[in-house]
Amino acid sequence: MTMPATMPSRWFAPLFSMLAVLALGIGSASANQPLGGVSDFEGDFAIGNWDLVNDPAGVGGSFNTNAGPPVELFVEGGDDGIGGNTDFQITIPADGEISFDWGYQSTDTECWDSGGYAINGVYTELACNDAAVPYFDGSGTVPVSAGDVFAFRVFTVDGDFGPGILGVTNFAFQPTGDPPPSITSVTPDSGSESGGT
């Protein structure tokens, strides 16, 4: 079969219609709302989009990462003689679920330190010094809503005798609700298209 040197004009209308539908589907989500699931601290959840917050400021906690893949995040609580929280936090862009593998370790004894997560400041402890969990042996899934402040947290009562360290990997966010529009069919001969979800 020999192709003509130029495309017939009847082919342009369906092509432009299809591109317009694609552009509308992509443009229907806000710039910060993920269109699909996010994994491994990417997209809206890239490490650079999170904030480290020590409360009070003198707690002296920190974080570090191993690039992976998968990325490994370690939130280290304070060890400067001041009790409080070290949060690695982010504002959630859409309703959904966060899932992750985790572990918690400390050289301190008893439950003077602990690790877990917080949503809008409400803390859920996953482990403490006396109930340490080897890194990434634990798994969690947490429902979140758009606008929530989600944090991986290490808490210390006294900030002494060694910090608690919460390790997190295999981070994922899966939005819930209506998916963005998608093309279900394009009919090249007529230039018509139909959309669906």
Protein backbone atom coordinates (compact mmCIF):
# COMPACT_ATOMS: atom_id res chain seq x y z
CA MET A 1 0.00 0.00 0.00
CA THR A 2 1.37 3.39 -0.99
CA MET A 3 0.86 6.34 1.40
CA PRO A 4 -0.06 9.67 -0.21
CA ALA A 5 2.59 12.41 -0.09
CA THR A 6 0.29 14.56 2.06
CA MET A 7 -2.30 13.51 4.63
CA PRO A 8 -5.89 14.06 3.52
CA SER A 9 -7.54 16.90 5.44
CA ARG A 10 -10.22 14.49 6.70
CA TRP A 11 -7.52 12.96 8.96
CA PHE A 12 -6.74 16.24 10.72
CA ALA A 13 -10.13 16.73 12.39
CA PRO A 14 -10.06 13.41 14.26
CA LEU A 15 -6.42 13.94 15.22
CA PHE A 16 -7.09 17.42 16.64
CA SER A 17 -10.24 16.18 18.40
CA MET A 18 -8.27 13.41 20.06
CA LEU A 19 -5.54 15.83 21.18
CA ALA A 20 -8.18 18.19 22.59
CA VAL A 21 -9.75 15.39 24.63
CA LEU A 22 -6.34 14.39 25.96
CA ALA A 23 -5.58 18.00 26.92
CA LEU A 24 -8.92 18.32 28.72
CA GLY A 25 -8.29 15.12 30.67
CA ILE A 26 -4.84 16.25 31.73
CA GLY A 27 -5.98 19.76 32.57
CA SER A 28 -8.84 18.61 34.78
CA ALA A 29 -6.59 17.90 37.78
CA SER A 30 -5.00 20.64 39.82
CA ALA A 31 -1.25 21.18 39.52
CA ASN A 32 -0.67 19.56 42.93
CA GLN A 33 -3.20 16.73 42.73
CA PRO A 34 -1.70 13.42 41.66
CA LEU A 35 -3.44 11.80 38.69
CA GLY A 36 -2.62 8.32 39.91
CA GLY A 37 -0.72 6.51 42.60
CA VAL A 38 2.69 7.72 43.75
CA SER A 39 5.46 5.46 44.99
CA ASP A 40 8.93 5.79 46.43
CA PHE A 41 8.71 9.45 47.59
CA GLU A 42 8.16 10.82 44.07
CA GLY A 43 5.91 13.49 42.53
CA ASP A 44 3.99 15.52 45.10
CA PHE A 45 5.63 13.36 47.78
CA ALA A 46 9.27 13.90 46.73
CA ILE A 47 11.57 14.29 49.74
CA GLY A 48 12.10 17.99 48.92
CA ASN A 49 8.37 18.67 49.42
CA TRP A 50 8.42 17.52 53.05
CA ASP A 51 9.36 19.70 56.05
CA LEU A 52 11.37 18.78 59.13
CA VAL A 53 9.74 20.28 62.25
CA ASN A 54 11.18 20.00 65.77
CA ASP A 55 8.75 20.97 68.54
CA PRO A 56 10.16 22.63 70.53
CA ALA A 57 12.90 23.84 68.18
CA GLY A 58 15.66 22.79 70.59
CA VAL A 59 14.76 19.08 70.32
CA GLY A 60 17.43 18.75 67.64
CA GLY A 61 16.02 15.89 65.57
CA SER A 62 16.99 15.31 61.95
CA PHE A 63 16.41 13.08 58.94
CA ASN A 64 18.47 11.40 56.25
CA THR A 65 17.78 9.21 53.26
CA ASN A 66 19.34 6.42 51.26
CA ALA A 67 18.60 6.99 47.58
CA GLY A 68 17.54 3.43 46.78
CA PRO A 69 15.51 2.41 44.96
CA PRO A 70 13.49 2.12 46.99
CA VAL A 71 14.20 5.32 48.92
CA GLU A 72 14.83 4.74 52.63
CA LEU A 73 13.93 7.58 55.01
CA PHE A 74 15.25 7.75 58.58
CA VAL A 75 13.74 10.25 61.04
CA GLU A 76 15.98 10.65 64.09
CA GLY A 77 14.54 12.08 67.28
CA GLY A 78 16.30 14.53 69.55
CA ASP A 79 19.20 13.68 71.83
CA ASP A 80 20.02 17.18 73.13
CA GLY A 81 18.46 16.91 76.58
CA ILE A 82 15.11 18.38 75.49
CA GLY A 83 11.89 16.36 75.16
CA GLY A 84 9.53 16.79 72.20
CA ASN A 85 8.63 15.75 68.68
CA THR A 86 10.61 15.49 65.47
CA ASP A 87 8.18 15.45 62.55
CA PHE A 88 8.93 14.89 58.87
CA GLN A 89 5.68 16.24 57.48
CA ILE A 90 3.73 17.13 54.36
CA THR A 91 0.27 18.51 53.51
CA ILE A 92 -1.77 15.86 51.69
CA PRO A 93 -2.92 17.01 48.20
CA ALA A 94 -5.91 14.66 47.78
CA ASP A 95 -7.98 12.06 49.63
CA GLY A 96 -6.28 8.68 49.62
CA GLU A 97 -4.19 6.11 51.45
CA ILE A 98 -0.54 6.17 52.46
CA SER A 99 1.25 2.85 52.78
CA PHE A 100 4.79 2.16 53.90
CA ASP A 101 7.14 -0.37 55.47
CA TRP A 102 8.80 0.73 58.69
CA GLY A 103 11.04 -0.15 61.60
CA TYR A 104 12.12 1.56 64.83
CA GLN A 105 15.39 1.33 66.78
CA SER A 106 17.09 3.13 69.68
CA THR A 107 20.04 2.65 71.99
CA ASP A 108 17.92 4.08 74.85
CA THR A 109 15.94 1.78 77.16
CA GLU A 110 12.33 1.60 78.32
CA CYS A 111 9.87 3.71 76.35
CA TRP A 112 11.52 7.10 76.73
CA ASP A 113 11.40 7.43 72.92
CA SER A 114 8.97 6.17 70.29
CA GLY A 115 8.29 6.32 66.56
CA GLY A 116 5.11 6.44 64.51
CA TYR A 117 3.02 8.87 62.49
CA ALA A 118 0.76 11.85 63.17
CA ILE A 119 -2.21 13.25 61.30
CA ASN A 120 -2.99 16.87 62.11
CA GLY A 121 -0.90 16.50 65.27
CA VAL A 122 -2.66 13.36 66.56
CA TYR A 123 0.11 10.82 67.19
CA THR A 124 -0.13 7.07 66.58
CA GLU A 125 2.80 5.21 68.13
CA LEU A 126 4.07 2.25 66.13
CA ALA A 127 6.92 1.21 68.45
CA CYS A 128 9.01 2.38 71.40
CA ASN A 129 12.45 1.55 72.78
CA ASP A 130 11.34 -1.59 74.62
CA ALA A 131 9.41 -2.87 71.61
CA ALA A 132 11.86 -2.08 68.80
CA VAL A 133 11.08 -3.42 65.31
CA PRO A 134 13.88 -4.27 62.83
CA TYR A 135 14.00 -1.81 59.95
CA PHE A 136 11.24 -2.36 57.43
CA ASP A 137 9.71 -5.41 59.12
CA GLY A 138 6.53 -3.45 59.92
CA SER A 139 3.90 -2.32 57.42
CA GLY A 140 1.26 0.36 57.67
CA THR A 141 -1.64 1.74 55.65
CA VAL A 142 -3.19 5.03 56.72
CA PRO A 143 -6.25 6.79 55.21
CA VAL A 144 -5.73 10.55 54.73
CA SER A 145 -7.79 13.48 53.46
CA ALA A 146 -6.87 16.43 51.28
CA GLY A 147 -5.43 19.18 53.48
CA ASP A 148 -4.34 16.83 56.30
CA VAL A 149 -0.83 17.33 57.65
CA PHE A 150 0.74 13.88 57.73
CA ALA A 151 4.03 13.33 59.58
CA PHE A 152 6.43 10.53 60.33
CA ARG A 153 7.25 11.28 63.98
CA VAL A 154 9.82 10.39 66.59
CA PHE A 155 8.92 11.44 70.14
CA THR A 156 11.32 11.72 73.06
CA VAL A 157 10.37 12.25 76.69
CA ASP A 158 13.81 13.46 77.79
CA GLY A 159 16.10 13.80 74.75
CA ASP A 160 18.83 11.76 76.47
CA PHE A 161 20.66 8.41 76.27
CA GLY A 162 20.39 8.00 72.49
CA PRO A 163 17.78 9.01 69.91
CA GLY A 164 14.94 6.96 68.57
CA ILE A 165 15.14 6.37 64.82
CA LEU A 166 12.11 5.59 62.64
CA GLY A 167 12.96 4.03 59.27
CA VAL A 168 10.47 4.12 56.37
CA THR A 169 10.65 2.62 52.88
CA ASN A 170 8.32 1.48 50.07
CA PHE A 171 6.31 4.67 50.59
CA ALA A 172 3.19 4.89 48.40
CA PHE A 173 0.18 7.18 48.08
CA GLN A 174 -2.97 6.03 46.30
CA PRO A 175 -5.66 8.66 45.75
CA THR A 176 -9.31 7.74 46.19
CA GLY A 177 -12.37 9.26 44.56
CA ASP A 178 -13.17 9.93 40.94
CA PRO A 179 -10.31 9.20 38.51
CA PRO A 180 -9.53 11.78 35.82
CA PRO A 181 -11.42 11.42 32.52
CA SER A 182 -9.91 9.06 29.99
CA ILE A 183 -10.51 8.34 26.32
CA THR A 184 -12.41 5.14 25.69
CA SER A 185 -12.66 5.38 21.92
CA VAL A 186 -11.83 7.59 18.94
CA THR A 187 -13.39 7.01 15.57
CA PRO A 188 -10.95 8.29 12.90
CA ASP A 189 -13.44 8.24 10.02
CA SER A 190 -16.01 10.52 11.62
CA GLY A 191 -13.77 12.58 13.89
CA SER A 192 -16.02 11.82 16.85
CA GLU A 193 -14.84 10.64 20.21
CA SER A 194 -16.43 9.46 23.42
CA GLY A 195 -15.00 9.82 26.89
CA GLY A 196 -15.43 7.79 30.00
CA THR A 197 -13.91 6.97 33.30
